[in-house]
């Protein structure tokens, strides 16, 4: 399991929400007109880099020999973190369009992350996962009701 590298930066929701600005801007432009997939992917990766800049959190090891050594370098760690953020966001986007599948998958992932966070004693992360899973559950029920919603 990957562990984060953290600076002594305050963790607060307003600071973290600032990291979503590039992704939100690209999503907004997509709803207004056609934006290329490349631009959306780069905006998602920029959100990952901005999140690192605000919180100081990046992936430093993934328990694969050789890659862990590379991730000990900050620049490579930040690039890998941006790639991971972009990959997760686009993985969710791939299953977008199937009624309830996106929301159901996100709820299962958040429940698993929350359970693991609770087991290792990271109570704030466990509660954050629970809160986000609750918000996604509202989206899930609106999908089941047949409303036209898009998660991202």
Protein backbone atom coordinates (compact mmCIF):
# COMPACT_ATOMS: atom_id res chain seq x y z
CA UNK A 1 0.00 0.00 0.00
CA UNK A 2 1.28 3.45 -0.85
CA UNK A 3 2.04 5.86 1.92
CA UNK A 4 1.99 9.64 1.66
CA UNK A 5 4.88 11.97 2.27
CA UNK A 6 3.70 15.03 4.15
CA UNK A 7 5.14 18.42 4.91
CA UNK A 8 4.08 20.33 7.99
CA UNK A 9 1.20 21.98 6.16
CA UNK A 10 -2.23 22.54 7.67
CA UNK A 11 -4.82 20.15 6.27
CA UNK A 12 -8.11 21.90 5.79
CA UNK A 13 -10.95 21.47 3.36
CA UNK A 14 -10.78 25.00 1.84
CA UNK A 15 -7.11 24.50 0.94
CA UNK A 16 -7.80 21.07 -0.57
CA UNK A 17 -10.77 22.35 -2.55
CA UNK A 18 -8.45 24.82 -4.26
CA UNK A 19 -6.68 21.83 -5.80
CA UNK A 20 -9.84 20.99 -7.74
CA UNK A 21 -9.89 24.31 -9.59
CA UNK A 22 -8.10 23.10 -12.76
CA UNK A 23 -10.32 20.03 -12.98
CA UNK A 24 -13.47 22.02 -12.30
CA UNK A 25 -12.53 24.61 -14.92
CA UNK A 26 -11.93 21.92 -17.55
CA UNK A 27 -15.21 20.20 -16.66
CA UNK A 28 -17.08 23.47 -16.90
CA UNK A 29 -15.58 24.23 -20.31
CA UNK A 30 -16.48 20.69 -21.43
CA UNK A 31 -20.12 21.31 -20.57
CA UNK A 32 -20.06 24.59 -22.51
CA UNK A 33 -18.20 23.35 -25.61
CA UNK A 34 -16.04 20.50 -26.81
CA UNK A 35 -12.75 20.18 -24.92
CA UNK A 36 -10.19 17.58 -25.94
CA UNK A 37 -9.47 14.55 -23.79
CA UNK A 38 -5.82 15.66 -23.54
CA UNK A 39 -6.81 18.99 -21.98
CA UNK A 40 -9.07 17.28 -19.43
CA UNK A 41 -6.35 14.76 -18.53
CA UNK A 42 -3.76 17.52 -18.07
CA UNK A 43 -6.22 19.52 -15.94
CA UNK A 44 -6.78 16.47 -13.74
CA UNK A 45 -3.03 15.95 -13.38
CA UNK A 46 -2.59 19.65 -12.61
CA UNK A 47 -5.10 19.19 -9.77
CA UNK A 48 -2.87 16.41 -8.41
CA UNK A 49 0.20 18.65 -8.55
CA UNK A 50 -1.71 21.54 -6.97
CA UNK A 51 -2.94 19.19 -4.24
CA UNK A 52 0.67 18.26 -3.50
CA UNK A 53 1.63 21.94 -3.46
CA UNK A 54 -1.09 22.74 -0.94
CA UNK A 55 -0.88 19.71 1.35
CA UNK A 56 2.63 18.40 0.69
CA UNK A 57 1.25 14.88 0.24
CA UNK A 58 2.67 12.62 -2.47
CA UNK A 59 3.19 8.91 -3.06
CA UNK A 60 6.60 7.85 -1.78
CA UNK A 61 6.42 4.08 -2.08
CA UNK A 62 4.26 1.44 -3.69
CA UNK A 63 6.11 -1.65 -2.39
CA UNK A 64 7.71 -2.42 -5.76
CA UNK A 65 11.48 -2.79 -5.67
CA UNK A 66 13.23 -0.08 -7.68
CA UNK A 67 10.16 2.11 -8.01
CA UNK A 68 10.26 2.85 -4.29
CA UNK A 69 13.81 4.15 -4.72
CA UNK A 70 12.69 6.40 -7.60
CA UNK A 71 9.77 7.70 -5.55
CA UNK A 72 12.20 8.85 -2.86
CA UNK A 73 12.98 11.78 -5.18
CA UNK A 74 10.41 14.53 -4.76
CA UNK A 75 10.06 15.42 -8.45
CA UNK A 76 9.44 11.82 -9.49
CA UNK A 77 7.09 11.33 -6.54
CA UNK A 78 5.01 14.37 -7.52
CA UNK A 79 4.87 13.30 -11.19
CA UNK A 80 3.77 9.79 -10.15
CA UNK A 81 1.16 11.27 -7.81
CA UNK A 82 -0.22 13.46 -10.62
CA UNK A 83 -0.34 10.40 -12.89
CA UNK A 84 -2.20 8.43 -10.20
CA UNK A 85 -4.74 11.22 -9.63
CA UNK A 86 -5.34 11.49 -13.37
CA UNK A 87 -5.66 7.72 -13.67
CA UNK A 88 -8.22 7.37 -10.89
CA UNK A 89 -10.32 10.27 -12.17
CA UNK A 90 -10.33 8.91 -15.70
CA UNK A 91 -11.06 5.37 -14.52
CA UNK A 92 -14.22 6.72 -12.91
CA UNK A 93 -14.99 8.71 -16.05
CA UNK A 94 -14.76 5.56 -18.22
CA UNK A 95 -17.68 3.93 -16.41
CA UNK A 96 -19.66 7.18 -16.42
CA UNK A 97 -22.87 6.77 -18.34
CA UNK A 98 -23.91 3.41 -16.91
CA UNK A 99 -26.80 4.11 -14.56
CA UNK A 100 -25.57 3.79 -11.01
CA UNK A 101 -22.32 1.99 -11.86
CA UNK A 102 -20.12 5.02 -11.30
CA UNK A 103 -21.75 5.88 -7.99
CA UNK A 104 -21.85 2.27 -6.79
CA UNK A 105 -18.18 1.78 -7.61
CA UNK A 106 -17.24 5.03 -5.87
CA UNK A 107 -19.23 4.06 -2.76
CA UNK A 108 -17.48 0.67 -2.59
CA UNK A 109 -14.05 2.29 -3.04
CA UNK A 110 -14.74 4.95 -0.42
CA UNK A 111 -16.03 2.34 2.03
CA UNK A 112 -12.87 0.27 1.51
CA UNK A 113 -10.59 3.30 1.92
CA UNK A 114 -12.54 4.38 5.02
CA UNK A 115 -12.30 0.91 6.53
CA UNK A 116 -8.55 0.74 5.91
CA UNK A 117 -8.10 4.26 7.29
CA UNK A 118 -9.99 3.28 10.43
CA UNK A 119 -7.91 0.12 10.84
CA UNK A 120 -4.63 2.06 10.69
CA UNK A 121 -5.95 4.77 13.02
CA UNK A 122 -6.47 7.61 10.53
CA UNK A 123 -9.83 8.71 11.90
CA UNK A 124 -10.09 12.03 9.97
CA UNK A 125 -9.58 10.20 6.66
CA UNK A 126 -12.10 7.53 7.67
CA UNK A 127 -14.71 10.21 8.41
CA UNK A 128 -13.88 12.04 5.17
CA UNK A 129 -14.48 8.82 3.21
CA UNK A 130 -17.76 8.30 5.06
CA UNK A 131 -18.94 11.84 4.32
CA UNK A 132 -18.05 11.64 0.64
CA UNK A 133 -19.67 8.18 0.37
CA UNK A 134 -22.85 9.69 1.83
CA UNK A 135 -22.80 12.47 -0.74
CA UNK A 136 -22.24 9.97 -3.55
CA UNK A 137 -25.12 7.90 -2.20
CA UNK A 138 -27.44 10.85 -2.83
CA UNK A 139 -26.21 10.93 -6.42
CA UNK A 140 -26.68 7.14 -6.61
CA UNK A 141 -30.34 7.32 -5.57
CA UNK A 142 -31.03 10.11 -8.05
CA UNK A 143 -29.50 7.91 -10.78
CA UNK A 144 -31.77 5.04 -9.79
CA UNK A 145 -34.75 7.37 -9.96
CA UNK A 146 -33.88 8.05 -13.60
CA UNK A 147 -32.73 11.65 -13.27
CA UNK A 148 -30.12 12.81 -15.77
CA UNK A 149 -27.00 13.50 -13.68
CA UNK A 150 -23.36 13.47 -14.71
CA UNK A 151 -20.70 12.93 -12.03
CA UNK A 152 -17.90 14.72 -13.82
